[in-house]
C-alpha cells in the first residue's frame, strides 16, 4: 500500500516537474519571438504600434519588435533607432513595418527589411553591411550604400531624394536608376497599371520641413541598449522537453 502511494506521489512530482519545464521553455520561445530590434528615440503626439487589430501608444524608450508596424497620427512624428544605429524618422500620417530583421551580432544585421507603406520618412543607415538593407514602398525597392534618404510614399507615387551617399532605386516593373549626387531624385509613378521611374536633379520635395517642425526628429543617435536575442533556440531533436510539451 505504501509503495503504491509513494509511486503515485513520484508520478505526480514528475508531471509537475515536466509542466514547469514546459512553461519555462514556452516562455523562452515567446521571448525569442518578441526580439527587441530597436527603440523609440523621439515621439510627438500619437504614435502607435499596431498588432493585428489592436493599437497601443509608443513612448520614448519603448522597444521595437521584429515584424512590428508603427504608425503616426495627424500632426505627429517619431524617430526610431535600430540596434545597428540605423535612424528612421517618420512624419505625420506615416506607416512603416519592420518586416524582417536577422542579426549578425548584437549591433549589426545580416538582413533588415523595412516597408514604408505611406507617408514621409528620413532613413539614415547604421553600421550593418549596406547589402543587408532592403527598403520598399508599394512602388519601389530602394538599395543603400552609406546613405541618408528622404522618402515620400503616396498613393500611386513614390519620391526618393538622396541627401548623402548613394542609392539604387528600382520600380516594381524592373526599371532602375542610380542616385549618386545630393539632390538626385527618383520619382516612381503608377498610371493605368503601368509603373515608370524618372530621375531629376532638383527635388520637388524633401523631409526638411518635418525636421524644422520638431527638434531632434532628424538627429542621428546611437542605440543605447542593444541587447537583442541573436540566435533563437534550434530544436535538433536532442531535447526531450519539446516532445514532452507536445512540440
C-alpha atoms as a PDB file:
ATOM      1  CA  UNK A   1       0.000   0.000   0.000  1.00  0.00           C
ATOM      2  CA  UNK A   2       2.799   2.420   0.998  1.00  0.00           C
ATOM      3  CA  UNK A   3       4.700   1.548  -2.153  1.00  0.00           C
ATOM      4  CA  UNK A   4       1.612   2.336  -4.255  1.00  0.00           C
ATOM      5  CA  UNK A   5       1.171   5.728  -2.561  1.00  0.00           C
ATOM      6  CA  UNK A   6       4.878   6.513  -2.997  1.00  0.00           C
ATOM      7  CA  UNK A   7       4.738   5.611  -6.674  1.00  0.00           C
ATOM      8  CA  UNK A   8       1.689   7.857  -7.140  1.00  0.00           C
ATOM      9  CA  UNK A   9       3.450  10.778  -5.462  1.00  0.00           C
ATOM     10  CA  UNK A  10       6.569  10.261  -7.591  1.00  0.00           C
ATOM     11  CA  UNK A  11       4.397  10.245 -10.724  1.00  0.00           C
ATOM     12  CA  UNK A  12       2.681  13.477  -9.708  1.00  0.00           C
ATOM     13  CA  UNK A  13       6.045  15.101  -8.936  1.00  0.00           C
ATOM     14  CA  UNK A  14       7.306  14.064 -12.364  1.00  0.00           C
ATOM     15  CA  UNK A  15       4.247  15.580 -14.057  1.00  0.00           C
ATOM     16  CA  UNK A  16       4.672  18.839 -12.128  1.00  0.00           C
ATOM     17  CA  UNK A  17       8.387  18.942 -12.986  1.00  0.00           C
ATOM     18  CA  UNK A  18       7.727  18.402 -16.696  1.00  0.00           C
ATOM     19  CA  UNK A  19       4.941  21.021 -16.641  1.00  0.00           C
ATOM     20  CA  UNK A  20       7.319  23.552 -15.090  1.00  0.00           C
ATOM     21  CA  UNK A  21       9.901  22.767 -17.767  1.00  0.00           C
ATOM     22  CA  UNK A  22       7.282  23.247 -20.455  1.00  0.00           C
ATOM     23  CA  UNK A  23       6.240  26.636 -19.096  1.00  0.00           C
ATOM     24  CA  UNK A  24       9.863  27.771 -18.921  1.00  0.00           C
ATOM     25  CA  UNK A  25      10.593  26.521 -22.417  1.00  0.00           C
ATOM     26  CA  UNK A  26       7.479  28.123 -23.919  1.00  0.00           C
ATOM     27  CA  UNK A  27       8.205  31.406 -22.166  1.00  0.00           C
ATOM     28  CA  UNK A  28      11.729  31.405 -23.576  1.00  0.00           C
ATOM     29  CA  UNK A  29      10.332  30.587 -27.009  1.00  0.00           C
ATOM     30  CA  UNK A  30       7.915  33.530 -26.759  1.00  0.00           C
ATOM     31  CA  UNK A  31      10.734  35.837 -25.696  1.00  0.00           C
ATOM     32  CA  UNK A  32      12.714  34.861 -28.780  1.00  0.00           C
ATOM     33  CA  UNK A  33       9.641  35.532 -30.938  1.00  0.00           C
ATOM     34  CA  UNK A  34       9.492  39.043 -29.438  1.00  0.00           C
ATOM     35  CA  UNK A  35      13.041  40.029 -30.350  1.00  0.00           C
ATOM     36  CA  UNK A  36      13.826  43.651 -29.479  1.00  0.00           C
ATOM     37  CA  UNK A  37      15.381  45.231 -32.564  1.00  0.00           C
ATOM     38  CA  UNK A  38      15.378  48.930 -31.715  1.00  0.00           C
ATOM     39  CA  UNK A  39      13.729  51.640 -29.640  1.00  0.00           C
ATOM     40  CA  UNK A  40      11.746  54.860 -29.920  1.00  0.00           C
ATOM     41  CA  UNK A  41      14.004  57.922 -29.546  1.00  0.00           C
ATOM     42  CA  UNK A  42      11.593  60.782 -30.355  1.00  0.00           C
ATOM     43  CA  UNK A  43       7.796  60.699 -30.076  1.00  0.00           C
ATOM     44  CA  UNK A  44       5.381  63.528 -30.810  1.00  0.00           C
ATOM     45  CA  UNK A  45       1.677  63.093 -30.042  1.00  0.00           C
ATOM     46  CA  UNK A  46       0.004  59.974 -31.462  1.00  0.00           C
ATOM     47  CA  UNK A  47       2.487  57.278 -32.421  1.00  0.00           C
ATOM     48  CA  UNK A  48       1.222  53.708 -32.094  1.00  0.00           C
ATOM     49  CA  UNK A  49       2.405  50.166 -32.611  1.00  0.00           C
ATOM     50  CA  UNK A  50      -0.091  48.005 -34.470  1.00  0.00           C
ATOM     51  CA  UNK A  51      -0.614  44.333 -33.695  1.00  0.00           C
ATOM     52  CA  UNK A  52      -3.455  42.776 -35.657  1.00  0.00           C
ATOM     53  CA  UNK A  53      -6.484  44.976 -34.991  1.00  0.00           C
ATOM     54  CA  UNK A  54      -5.061  46.342 -31.715  1.00  0.00           C
ATOM     55  CA  UNK A  55      -3.008  49.500 -31.239  1.00  0.00           C
ATOM     56  CA  UNK A  56      -1.016  50.852 -28.295  1.00  0.00           C
ATOM     57  CA  UNK A  57       0.788  54.145 -27.769  1.00  0.00           C
ATOM     58  CA  UNK A  58       4.545  54.091 -28.356  1.00  0.00           C
ATOM     59  CA  UNK A  59       6.594  56.115 -25.876  1.00  0.00           C
ATOM     60  CA  UNK A  60      10.215  57.282 -25.810  1.00  0.00           C
ATOM     61  CA  UNK A  61      12.440  54.388 -24.747  1.00  0.00           C
ATOM     62  CA  UNK A  62       9.951  51.683 -25.704  1.00  0.00           C
ATOM     63  CA  UNK A  63      11.467  48.736 -27.532  1.00  0.00           C
ATOM     64  CA  UNK A  64      10.642  47.925 -31.142  1.00  0.00           C
ATOM     65  CA  UNK A  65       9.921  44.340 -32.071  1.00  0.00           C
ATOM     66  CA  UNK A  66      10.575  42.271 -35.146  1.00  0.00           C
ATOM     67  CA  UNK A  67       7.634  42.226 -37.595  1.00  0.00           C
ATOM     68  CA  UNK A  68       6.098  45.272 -35.909  1.00  0.00           C
ATOM     69  CA  UNK A  69       4.121  48.049 -37.600  1.00  0.00           C
ATOM     70  CA  UNK A  70       4.484  51.660 -36.393  1.00  0.00           C
ATOM     71  CA  UNK A  71       2.026  54.393 -37.376  1.00  0.00           C
ATOM     72  CA  UNK A  72       1.944  58.135 -36.720  1.00  0.00           C
ATOM     73  CA  UNK A  73      -1.203  60.239 -36.494  1.00  0.00           C
ATOM     74  CA  UNK A  74      -2.111  63.722 -37.668  1.00  0.00           C
ATOM     75  CA  UNK A  75       0.465  66.342 -36.599  1.00  0.00           C
ATOM     76  CA  UNK A  76       2.544  63.506 -35.114  1.00  0.00           C
ATOM     77  CA  UNK A  77       6.099  62.349 -35.737  1.00  0.00           C
ATOM     78  CA  UNK A  78       8.661  59.841 -34.481  1.00  0.00           C
ATOM     79  CA  UNK A  79      12.287  58.829 -34.723  1.00  0.00           C
ATOM     80  CA  UNK A  80      13.202  55.173 -34.267  1.00  0.00           C
ATOM     81  CA  UNK A  81      16.733  53.892 -33.677  1.00  0.00           C
ATOM     82  CA  UNK A  82      17.568  50.337 -34.685  1.00  0.00           C
ATOM     83  CA  UNK A  83      20.114  48.113 -32.936  1.00  0.00           C
ATOM     84  CA  UNK A  84      22.725  48.792 -35.645  1.00  0.00           C
ATOM     85  CA  UNK A  85      22.214  52.582 -35.190  1.00  0.00           C
ATOM     86  CA  UNK A  86      20.020  52.983 -38.259  1.00  0.00           C
ATOM     87  CA  UNK A  87      17.770  56.019 -37.676  1.00  0.00           C
ATOM     88  CA  UNK A  88      14.254  56.139 -39.137  1.00  0.00           C
ATOM     89  CA  UNK A  89      12.304  59.403 -38.887  1.00  0.00           C
ATOM     90  CA  UNK A  90       8.559  59.437 -39.628  1.00  0.00           C
ATOM     91  CA  UNK A  91       6.405  62.443 -40.479  1.00  0.00           C
ATOM     92  CA  UNK A  92       2.639  62.744 -39.902  1.00  0.00           C
ATOM     93  CA  UNK A  93       0.266  60.003 -41.097  1.00  0.00           C
ATOM     94  CA  UNK A  94       3.131  57.623 -41.845  1.00  0.00           C
ATOM     95  CA  UNK A  95       3.148  53.828 -41.599  1.00  0.00           C
ATOM     96  CA  UNK A  96       6.138  51.505 -41.649  1.00  0.00           C
ATOM     97  CA  UNK A  97       6.672  47.834 -40.922  1.00  0.00           C
ATOM     98  CA  UNK A  98       9.887  46.278 -39.627  1.00  0.00           C
ATOM     99  CA  UNK A  99       9.309  43.389 -41.960  1.00  0.00           C
ATOM    100  CA  UNK A 100      12.399  41.273 -41.372  1.00  0.00           C
ATOM    101  CA  UNK A 101      15.458  41.509 -39.132  1.00  0.00           C
ATOM    102  CA  UNK A 102      18.208  38.887 -38.976  1.00  0.00           C
ATOM    103  CA  UNK A 103      21.139  39.678 -36.685  1.00  0.00           C
ATOM    104  CA  UNK A 104      24.821  39.080 -37.340  1.00  0.00           C
ATOM    105  CA  UNK A 105      25.558  40.062 -33.761  1.00  0.00           C
ATOM    106  CA  UNK A 106      24.128  42.426 -31.172  1.00  0.00           C
ATOM    107  CA  UNK A 107      24.964  45.542 -33.191  1.00  0.00           C
ATOM    108  CA  UNK A 108      24.555  44.615 -36.862  1.00  0.00           C
ATOM    109  CA  UNK A 109      22.088  42.931 -39.188  1.00  0.00           C
ATOM    110  CA  UNK A 110      22.684  40.317 -41.823  1.00  0.00           C
ATOM    111  CA  UNK A 111      19.293  41.171 -43.276  1.00  0.00           C
ATOM    112  CA  UNK A 112      16.909  44.046 -42.495  1.00  0.00           C
ATOM    113  CA  UNK A 113      13.779  44.845 -44.496  1.00  0.00           C
ATOM    114  CA  UNK A 114      11.638  47.913 -43.887  1.00  0.00           C
ATOM    115  CA  UNK A 115       8.316  48.537 -45.641  1.00  0.00           C
ATOM    116  CA  UNK A 116       7.339  52.208 -45.945  1.00  0.00           C
ATOM    117  CA  UNK A 117       3.649  51.913 -46.706  1.00  0.00           C
ATOM    118  CA  UNK A 118       2.548  55.553 -46.555  1.00  0.00           C
ATOM    119  CA  UNK A 119       3.857  58.963 -45.520  1.00  0.00           C
ATOM    120  CA  UNK A 120       7.177  60.815 -45.313  1.00  0.00           C
ATOM    121  CA  UNK A 121      10.404  59.339 -43.943  1.00  0.00           C
ATOM    122  CA  UNK A 122      14.097  60.056 -43.468  1.00  0.00           C
ATOM    123  CA  UNK A 123      16.340  56.984 -43.472  1.00  0.00           C
ATOM    124  CA  UNK A 124      19.916  57.124 -42.124  1.00  0.00           C
ATOM    125  CA  UNK A 125      21.865  53.873 -42.463  1.00  0.00           C
ATOM    126  CA  UNK A 126      23.632  52.376 -39.468  1.00  0.00           C
ATOM    127  CA  UNK A 127      26.565  50.026 -39.014  1.00  0.00           C
ATOM    128  CA  UNK A 128      25.367  46.967 -40.933  1.00  0.00           C
ATOM    129  CA  UNK A 129      26.706  45.981 -44.343  1.00  0.00           C
ATOM    130  CA  UNK A 130      24.883  48.047 -46.950  1.00  0.00           C
ATOM    131  CA  UNK A 131      23.689  44.944 -48.796  1.00  0.00           C
ATOM    132  CA  UNK A 132      21.750  43.991 -45.651  1.00  0.00           C
ATOM    133  CA  UNK A 133      19.240  46.823 -46.114  1.00  0.00           C
ATOM    134  CA  UNK A 134      16.090  46.436 -48.182  1.00  0.00           C
ATOM    135  CA  UNK A 135      13.682  49.359 -48.158  1.00  0.00           C
ATOM    136  CA  UNK A 136      10.415  49.000 -50.063  1.00  0.00           C
ATOM    137  CA  UNK A 137       7.341  51.075 -50.832  1.00  0.00           C
ATOM    138  CA  UNK A 138       4.292  49.843 -52.762  1.00  0.00           C
ATOM    139  CA  UNK A 139       6.046  51.010 -55.969  1.00  0.00           C
ATOM    140  CA  UNK A 140       9.787  50.756 -55.377  1.00  0.00           C
ATOM    141  CA  UNK A 141      12.719  48.860 -53.914  1.00  0.00           C
ATOM    142  CA  UNK A 142      15.492  51.056 -52.554  1.00  0.00           C
ATOM    143  CA  UNK A 143      19.081  49.929 -52.018  1.00  0.00           C
ATOM    144  CA  UNK A 144      21.566  51.929 -49.951  1.00  0.00           C
ATOM    145  CA  UNK A 145      25.306  52.491 -49.810  1.00  0.00           C
ATOM    146  CA  UNK A 146      26.068  54.538 -46.695  1.00  0.00           C
ATOM    147  CA  UNK A 147      23.125  56.772 -47.201  1.00  0.00           C
ATOM    148  CA  UNK A 148      20.712  59.435 -45.997  1.00  0.00           C
ATOM    149  CA  UNK A 149      17.451  59.289 -47.937  1.00  0.00           C
ATOM    150  CA  UNK A 150      14.191  61.229 -47.832  1.00  0.00           C
ATOM    151  CA  UNK A 151      11.292  59.055 -48.969  1.00  0.00           C
ATOM    152  CA  UNK A 152       7.680  60.041 -49.638  1.00  0.00           C
ATOM    153  CA  UNK A 153       5.233  57.198 -50.227  1.00  0.00           C
ATOM    154  CA  UNK A 154       1.862  58.276 -51.620  1.00  0.00           C
ATOM    155  CA  UNK A 155      -0.946  56.518 -53.430  1.00  0.00           C
ATOM    156  CA  UNK A 156       0.352  55.884 -56.938  1.00  0.00           C
ATOM    157  CA  UNK A 157       3.647  57.705 -56.357  1.00  0.00           C
ATOM    158  CA  UNK A 158       6.965  57.321 -54.517  1.00  0.00           C
ATOM    159  CA  UNK A 159       9.611  60.049 -54.311  1.00  0.00           C
ATOM    160  CA  UNK A 160      13.165  59.185 -53.197  1.00  0.00           C
ATOM    161  CA  UNK A 161      15.608  62.056 -52.570  1.00  0.00           C
ATOM    162  CA  UNK A 162      19.303  61.416 -51.934  1.00  0.00           C
ATOM    163  CA  UNK A 163      20.748  63.630 -49.201  1.00  0.00           C
ATOM    164  CA  UNK A 164      24.064  61.828 -48.735  1.00  0.00           C
ATOM    165  CA  UNK A 165      25.848  58.727 -50.043  1.00  0.00           C
ATOM    166  CA  UNK A 166      24.391  56.739 -52.935  1.00  0.00           C
ATOM    167  CA  UNK A 167      21.328  54.658 -53.680  1.00  0.00           C
ATOM    168  CA  UNK A 168      19.886  52.394 -56.374  1.00  0.00           C
ATOM    169  CA  UNK A 169      16.134  52.753 -56.798  1.00  0.00           C
ATOM    170  CA  UNK A 170      14.102  50.234 -58.784  1.00  0.00           C
ATOM    171  CA  UNK A 171      10.458  50.462 -59.769  1.00  0.00           C
ATOM    172  CA  UNK A 172       8.300  47.390 -59.259  1.00  0.00           C
ATOM    173  CA  UNK A 173       8.268  46.970 -63.048  1.00  0.00           C
ATOM    174  CA  UNK A 174      12.047  46.419 -63.013  1.00  0.00           C
ATOM    175  CA  UNK A 175      13.402  49.756 -64.297  1.00  0.00           C
ATOM    176  CA  UNK A 176      16.161  51.194 -62.064  1.00  0.00           C
ATOM    177  CA  UNK A 177      18.105  54.414 -61.611  1.00  0.00           C
ATOM    178  CA  UNK A 178      21.220  55.376 -59.658  1.00  0.00           C
ATOM    179  CA  UNK A 179      21.252  58.297 -57.229  1.00  0.00           C
ATOM    180  CA  UNK A 180      24.838  59.449 -56.740  1.00  0.00           C
ATOM    181  CA  UNK A 181      24.763  63.196 -56.019  1.00  0.00           C
ATOM    182  CA  UNK A 182      22.937  65.058 -53.212  1.00  0.00           C
ATOM    183  CA  UNK A 183      19.589  66.187 -54.601  1.00  0.00           C
ATOM    184  CA  UNK A 184      19.305  63.327 -57.099  1.00  0.00           C
ATOM    185  CA  UNK A 185      15.679  62.246 -57.004  1.00  0.00           C
ATOM    186  CA  UNK A 186      13.809  59.195 -58.280  1.00  0.00           C
ATOM    187  CA  UNK A 187      10.095  59.670 -58.925  1.00  0.00           C
ATOM    188  CA  UNK A 188       8.149  56.457 -59.404  1.00  0.00           C
ATOM    189  CA  UNK A 189       4.550  56.707 -60.579  1.00  0.00           C
ATOM    190  CA  UNK A 190       1.792  54.248 -61.370  1.00  0.00           C
ATOM    191  CA  UNK A 191      -0.685  55.228 -64.062  1.00  0.00           C
ATOM    192  CA  UNK A 192      -3.183  52.865 -65.608  1.00  0.00           C
ATOM    193  CA  UNK A 193      -1.358  49.884 -64.138  1.00  0.00           C
ATOM    194  CA  UNK A 194       1.967  50.937 -65.666  1.00  0.00           C
ATOM    195  CA  UNK A 195       4.822  51.826 -63.282  1.00  0.00           C
ATOM    196  CA  UNK A 196       7.502  54.218 -64.523  1.00  0.00           C
ATOM    197  CA  UNK A 197      10.587  55.816 -62.961  1.00  0.00           C
ATOM    198  CA  UNK A 198      12.092  59.236 -63.666  1.00  0.00           C
ATOM    199  CA  UNK A 199      15.313  60.775 -62.367  1.00  0.00           C
ATOM    200  CA  UNK A 200      15.586  64.509 -61.724  1.00  0.00           C
ATOM    201  CA  UNK A 201      18.317  66.624 -60.137  1.00  0.00           C
ATOM    202  CA  UNK A 202      16.108  69.184 -58.388  1.00  0.00           C
ATOM    203  CA  UNK A 203      13.938  67.518 -55.722  1.00  0.00           C
ATOM    204  CA  UNK A 204      10.271  68.551 -55.754  1.00  0.00           C
ATOM    205  CA  UNK A 205      10.059  67.660 -52.052  1.00  0.00           C
ATOM    206  CA  UNK A 206      12.296  66.864 -49.071  1.00  0.00           C
ATOM    207  CA  UNK A 207      11.802  65.839 -45.444  1.00  0.00           C
ATOM    208  CA  UNK A 208      13.320  69.151 -44.258  1.00  0.00           C
ATOM    209  CA  UNK A 209      10.010  70.768 -43.250  1.00  0.00           C
ATOM    210  CA  UNK A 210       9.359  67.895 -40.840  1.00  0.00           C
ATOM    211  CA  UNK A 211      12.869  68.304 -39.392  1.00  0.00           C
ATOM    212  CA  UNK A 212      12.259  72.006 -38.756  1.00  0.00           C
ATOM    213  CA  UNK A 213       8.921  71.337 -37.061  1.00  0.00           C
ATOM    214  CA  UNK A 214      10.292  69.113 -34.283  1.00  0.00           C
ATOM    215  CA  UNK A 215      13.658  69.367 -32.555  1.00  0.00           C
ATOM    216  CA  UNK A 216      15.587  66.103 -32.603  1.00  0.00           C
ATOM    217  CA  UNK A 217      13.457  64.461 -35.277  1.00  0.00           C
ATOM    218  CA  UNK A 218      16.308  64.431 -37.793  1.00  0.00           C
ATOM    219  CA  UNK A 219      19.215  63.971 -35.409  1.00  0.00           C
ATOM    220  CA  UNK A 220      21.027  60.642 -35.666  1.00  0.00           C
ATOM    221  CA  UNK A 221      21.760  58.912 -32.367  1.00  0.00           C
ATOM    222  CA  UNK A 222      23.124  55.533 -31.324  1.00  0.00           C
ATOM    223  CA  UNK A 223      21.063  52.704 -29.932  1.00  0.00           C
ATOM    224  CA  UNK A 224      21.829  52.804 -26.233  1.00  0.00           C
ATOM    225  CA  UNK A 225      20.570  49.383 -25.176  1.00  0.00           C
ATOM    226  CA  UNK A 226      21.415  46.964 -27.949  1.00  0.00           C
ATOM    227  CA  UNK A 227      20.592  43.659 -26.254  1.00  0.00           C
ATOM    228  CA  UNK A 228      18.757  41.674 -28.939  1.00  0.00           C
ATOM    229  CA  UNK A 229      18.446  37.923 -28.909  1.00  0.00           C
ATOM    230  CA  UNK A 230      20.969  36.880 -31.538  1.00  0.00           C
ATOM    231  CA  UNK A 231      20.362  33.188 -32.086  1.00  0.00           C
ATOM    232  CA  UNK A 232      16.933  31.601 -31.488  1.00  0.00           C
ATOM    233  CA  UNK A 233      16.949  28.105 -29.973  1.00  0.00           C
ATOM    234  CA  UNK A 234      17.095  25.333 -32.549  1.00  0.00           C
ATOM    235  CA  UNK A 235      15.234  22.092 -31.910  1.00  0.00           C
ATOM    236  CA  UNK A 236      17.718  19.444 -33.047  1.00  0.00           C
ATOM    237  CA  UNK A 237      15.715  16.582 -31.536  1.00  0.00           C
ATOM    238  CA  UNK A 238      18.121  16.124 -28.622  1.00  0.00           C
ATOM    239  CA  UNK A 239      15.923  17.955 -26.071  1.00  0.00           C
ATOM    240  CA  UNK A 240      13.121  15.709 -24.825  1.00  0.00           C
ATOM    241  CA  UNK A 241      11.305  18.748 -23.434  1.00  0.00           C
ATOM    242  CA  UNK A 242       9.940  19.533 -26.857  1.00  0.00           C
ATOM    243  CA  UNK A 243       8.384  16.066 -27.129  1.00  0.00           C
ATOM    244  CA  UNK A 244       7.019  16.152 -23.590  1.00  0.00           C
ATOM    245  CA  UNK A 245       5.412  19.542 -24.270  1.00  0.00           C
ATOM    246  CA  UNK A 246       3.803  18.298 -27.440  1.00  0.00           C
ATOM    247  CA  UNK A 247       6.096  20.356 -29.735  1.00  0.00           C
END
